[in-house]
Amino acid sequence: MSANIGINIRNARKALHLSQEELGEMIGANRVTISRYETCEYNPSLPALKRLAEALQTTPAELSGDDSDTKKEPATVGGFPIEGYLQLIPENRKKIDELIALYVSAQSDGQSHASVQE
């Protein structure tokens, strides 16, 4: 596994605004284990890496820094490519999803503009 795996785990965790304790609870580990992964004191087993990737909304290859054999299309929401969508907190993702749905609905109705009320 890449020496950057700990940095990748920490960056992905922070991007999702999760504490080490919260991430640990999500994968059935404790805060100390997550800390040891992030500092590269321990490398996660393959099953743990898969659980980490799922919890962090990424892939094991991306966490381990080995994405050489996987070239993926950019992430999309409502058919629109976006960057950083998965790093947003769920509340903000929901707002973006609602705006895209409103836009798509307006486009299908033949409207050029849609008003959004907060």
C-alpha atoms as a PDB file:
ATOM      1  CA  MET A   1       0.000   0.000   0.000  1.00  0.00           C
ATOM      2  CA  SER A   2       1.092   3.518  -0.682  1.00  0.00           C
ATOM      3  CA  ALA A   3       2.690   5.591   2.056  1.00  0.00           C
ATOM      4  CA  ASN A   4       0.081   8.227   1.227  1.00  0.00           C
ATOM      5  CA  ILE A   5      -2.797   6.043   2.365  1.00  0.00           C
ATOM      6  CA  GLY A   6      -2.859   7.678   5.798  1.00  0.00           C
ATOM      7  CA  ILE A   7      -2.934  11.155   4.267  1.00  0.00           C
ATOM      8  CA  ASN A   8      -5.661  10.064   1.847  1.00  0.00           C
ATOM      9  CA  ILE A   9      -7.781   8.638   4.671  1.00  0.00           C
ATOM     10  CA  ARG A  10      -7.363  11.802   6.750  1.00  0.00           C
ATOM     11  CA  ASN A  11      -8.123  14.116   3.804  1.00  0.00           C
ATOM     12  CA  ALA A  12     -11.231  12.138   2.819  1.00  0.00           C
ATOM     13  CA  ARG A  13     -12.436  12.063   6.438  1.00  0.00           C
ATOM     14  CA  LYS A  14     -11.950  15.795   6.885  1.00  0.00           C
ATOM     15  CA  ALA A  15     -13.630  16.537   3.550  1.00  0.00           C
ATOM     16  CA  LEU A  16     -16.733  14.803   4.923  1.00  0.00           C
ATOM     17  CA  HIS A  17     -16.438  16.670   8.235  1.00  0.00           C
ATOM     18  CA  LEU A  18     -16.088  13.448  10.206  1.00  0.00           C
ATOM     19  CA  SER A  19     -14.134  13.014  13.411  1.00  0.00           C
ATOM     20  CA  GLN A  20     -11.860  10.008  13.853  1.00  0.00           C
ATOM     21  CA  GLU A  21     -14.362   8.661  16.357  1.00  0.00           C
ATOM     22  CA  GLU A  22     -17.285   9.045  13.929  1.00  0.00           C
ATOM     23  CA  LEU A  23     -15.364   7.298  11.139  1.00  0.00           C
ATOM     24  CA  GLY A  24     -14.370   4.541  13.528  1.00  0.00           C
ATOM     25  CA  GLU A  25     -17.995   3.968  14.499  1.00  0.00           C
ATOM     26  CA  MET A  26     -18.953   3.773  10.824  1.00  0.00           C
ATOM     27  CA  ILE A  27     -16.458   0.974  10.124  1.00  0.00           C
ATOM     28  CA  GLY A  28     -16.496  -0.843  13.469  1.00  0.00           C
ATOM     29  CA  ALA A  29     -13.161   0.472  14.749  1.00  0.00           C
ATOM     30  CA  ASN A  30     -12.129   2.878  17.474  1.00  0.00           C
ATOM     31  CA  ARG A  31     -10.592   6.353  17.258  1.00  0.00           C
ATOM     32  CA  VAL A  32      -7.109   5.066  18.076  1.00  0.00           C
ATOM     33  CA  THR A  33      -7.200   2.664  15.111  1.00  0.00           C
ATOM     34  CA  ILE A  34      -8.263   5.468  12.759  1.00  0.00           C
ATOM     35  CA  SER A  35      -5.461   7.643  14.128  1.00  0.00           C
ATOM     36  CA  ARG A  36      -2.948   4.841  13.547  1.00  0.00           C
ATOM     37  CA  TYR A  37      -4.177   4.424   9.953  1.00  0.00           C
ATOM     38  CA  GLU A  38      -3.846   8.159   9.341  1.00  0.00           C
ATOM     39  CA  THR A  39      -0.324   8.313  10.766  1.00  0.00           C
ATOM     40  CA  CYS A  40       0.679   5.153   8.846  1.00  0.00           C
ATOM     41  CA  GLU A  41       1.476   3.372  12.092  1.00  0.00           C
ATOM     42  CA  TYR A  42      -0.882   0.637  10.864  1.00  0.00           C
ATOM     43  CA  ASN A  43      -2.019  -0.207   7.366  1.00  0.00           C
ATOM     44  CA  PRO A  44      -5.672  -1.210   7.148  1.00  0.00           C
ATOM     45  CA  SER A  45      -6.415  -4.787   6.114  1.00  0.00           C
ATOM     46  CA  LEU A  46      -8.189  -5.222   2.790  1.00  0.00           C
ATOM     47  CA  PRO A  47     -11.595  -5.671   4.473  1.00  0.00           C
ATOM     48  CA  ALA A  48     -10.957  -2.563   6.608  1.00  0.00           C
ATOM     49  CA  LEU A  49      -9.829  -0.627   3.533  1.00  0.00           C
ATOM     50  CA  LYS A  50     -13.081  -1.557   1.778  1.00  0.00           C
ATOM     51  CA  ARG A  51     -15.125  -0.390   4.795  1.00  0.00           C
ATOM     52  CA  LEU A  52     -13.105   2.851   4.948  1.00  0.00           C
ATOM     53  CA  ALA A  53     -13.644   3.501   1.250  1.00  0.00           C
ATOM     54  CA  GLU A  54     -17.383   2.942   1.559  1.00  0.00           C
ATOM     55  CA  ALA A  55     -17.665   5.195   4.613  1.00  0.00           C
ATOM     56  CA  LEU A  56     -15.543   7.880   2.935  1.00  0.00           C
ATOM     57  CA  GLN A  57     -17.501   7.662  -0.335  1.00  0.00           C
ATOM     58  CA  THR A  58     -14.500   6.690  -2.420  1.00  0.00           C
ATOM     59  CA  THR A  59     -12.749   3.538  -3.618  1.00  0.00           C
ATOM     60  CA  PRO A  60     -10.018   1.422  -2.031  1.00  0.00           C
ATOM     61  CA  ALA A  61      -7.786   2.246  -5.021  1.00  0.00           C
ATOM     62  CA  GLU A  62      -8.190   5.980  -4.474  1.00  0.00           C
ATOM     63  CA  LEU A  63      -7.483   5.679  -0.745  1.00  0.00           C
ATOM     64  CA  SER A  64      -4.385   3.580  -1.353  1.00  0.00           C
ATOM     65  CA  GLY A  65      -3.215   5.924  -4.101  1.00  0.00           C
ATOM     66  CA  ASP A  66      -3.393   3.189  -6.725  1.00  0.00           C
ATOM     67  CA  ASP A  67      -5.830   4.396  -9.364  1.00  0.00           C
ATOM     68  CA  SER A  68      -3.506   3.732 -12.295  1.00  0.00           C
ATOM     69  CA  ASP A  69      -5.756   1.072 -13.783  1.00  0.00           C
ATOM     70  CA  THR A  70      -9.047   2.880 -13.226  1.00  0.00           C
ATOM     71  CA  LYS A  71      -9.814   5.902 -15.345  1.00  0.00           C
ATOM     72  CA  LYS A  72     -13.232   7.106 -14.319  1.00  0.00           C
ATOM     73  CA  GLU A  73     -15.567   9.593 -15.879  1.00  0.00           C
ATOM     74  CA  PRO A  74     -16.056  12.794 -13.889  1.00  0.00           C
ATOM     75  CA  ALA A  75     -18.743  12.596 -11.223  1.00  0.00           C
ATOM     76  CA  THR A  76     -22.109  13.903 -12.325  1.00  0.00           C
ATOM     77  CA  VAL A  77     -25.304  15.031 -10.672  1.00  0.00           C
ATOM     78  CA  GLY A  78     -28.369  15.264 -12.850  1.00  0.00           C
ATOM     79  CA  GLY A  79     -26.111  14.632 -15.830  1.00  0.00           C
ATOM     80  CA  PHE A  80     -23.912  17.633 -15.017  1.00  0.00           C
ATOM     81  CA  PRO A  81     -20.229  17.013 -14.264  1.00  0.00           C
ATOM     82  CA  ILE A  82     -19.187  18.393 -10.914  1.00  0.00           C
ATOM     83  CA  GLU A  83     -16.050  18.469  -8.817  1.00  0.00           C
ATOM     84  CA  GLY A  84     -16.085  18.086  -5.073  1.00  0.00           C
ATOM     85  CA  TYR A  85     -19.780  17.138  -4.812  1.00  0.00           C
ATOM     86  CA  LEU A  86     -19.108  14.178  -2.524  1.00  0.00           C
ATOM     87  CA  GLN A  87     -17.006  16.327  -0.223  1.00  0.00           C
ATOM     88  CA  LEU A  88     -19.983  18.552   0.543  1.00  0.00           C
ATOM     89  CA  ILE A  89     -21.941  18.034   3.720  1.00  0.00           C
ATOM     90  CA  PRO A  90     -25.226  16.186   3.088  1.00  0.00           C
ATOM     91  CA  GLU A  91     -27.327  19.313   3.654  1.00  0.00           C
ATOM     92  CA  ASN A  92     -25.494  21.166   0.878  1.00  0.00           C
ATOM     93  CA  ARG A  93     -25.666  18.169  -1.478  1.00  0.00           C
ATOM     94  CA  LYS A  94     -29.441  18.097  -0.938  1.00  0.00           C
ATOM     95  CA  LYS A  95     -29.683  21.800  -1.841  1.00  0.00           C
ATOM     96  CA  ILE A  96     -27.681  21.236  -5.019  1.00  0.00           C
ATOM     97  CA  ASP A  97     -29.844  18.242  -5.933  1.00  0.00           C
ATOM     98  CA  GLU A  98     -32.976  20.368  -5.472  1.00  0.00           C
ATOM     99  CA  LEU A  99     -31.584  23.170  -7.635  1.00  0.00           C
ATOM    100  CA  ILE A 100     -30.615  20.750 -10.385  1.00  0.00           C
ATOM    101  CA  ALA A 101     -34.063  19.130 -10.284  1.00  0.00           C
ATOM    102  CA  LEU A 102     -35.642  22.583 -10.555  1.00  0.00           C
ATOM    103  CA  TYR A 103     -33.373  23.458 -13.483  1.00  0.00           C
ATOM    104  CA  VAL A 104     -34.043  20.190 -15.299  1.00  0.00           C
ATOM    105  CA  SER A 105     -37.773  20.610 -14.742  1.00  0.00           C
ATOM    106  CA  ALA A 106     -37.659  24.161 -16.103  1.00  0.00           C
ATOM    107  CA  GLN A 107     -35.710  22.992 -19.152  1.00  0.00           C
ATOM    108  CA  SER A 108     -38.209  20.236 -19.877  1.00  0.00           C
ATOM    109  CA  ASP A 109     -41.047  22.783 -19.562  1.00  0.00           C
ATOM    110  CA  GLY A 110     -39.312  25.009 -22.105  1.00  0.00           C
ATOM    111  CA  GLN A 111     -38.598  27.759 -19.609  1.00  0.00           C
ATOM    112  CA  SER A 112     -35.311  29.592 -19.871  1.00  0.00           C
ATOM    113  CA  HIS A 113     -35.260  30.803 -16.264  1.00  0.00           C
ATOM    114  CA  ALA A 114     -36.575  29.403 -13.019  1.00  0.00           C
ATOM    115  CA  SER A 115     -37.047  31.289  -9.798  1.00  0.00           C
ATOM    116  CA  VAL A 116     -35.858  29.759  -6.592  1.00  0.00           C
ATOM    117  CA  GLN A 117     -37.226  30.802  -3.235  1.00  0.00           C
ATOM    118  CA  GLU A 118     -35.410  30.073  -0.018  1.00  0.00           C
END
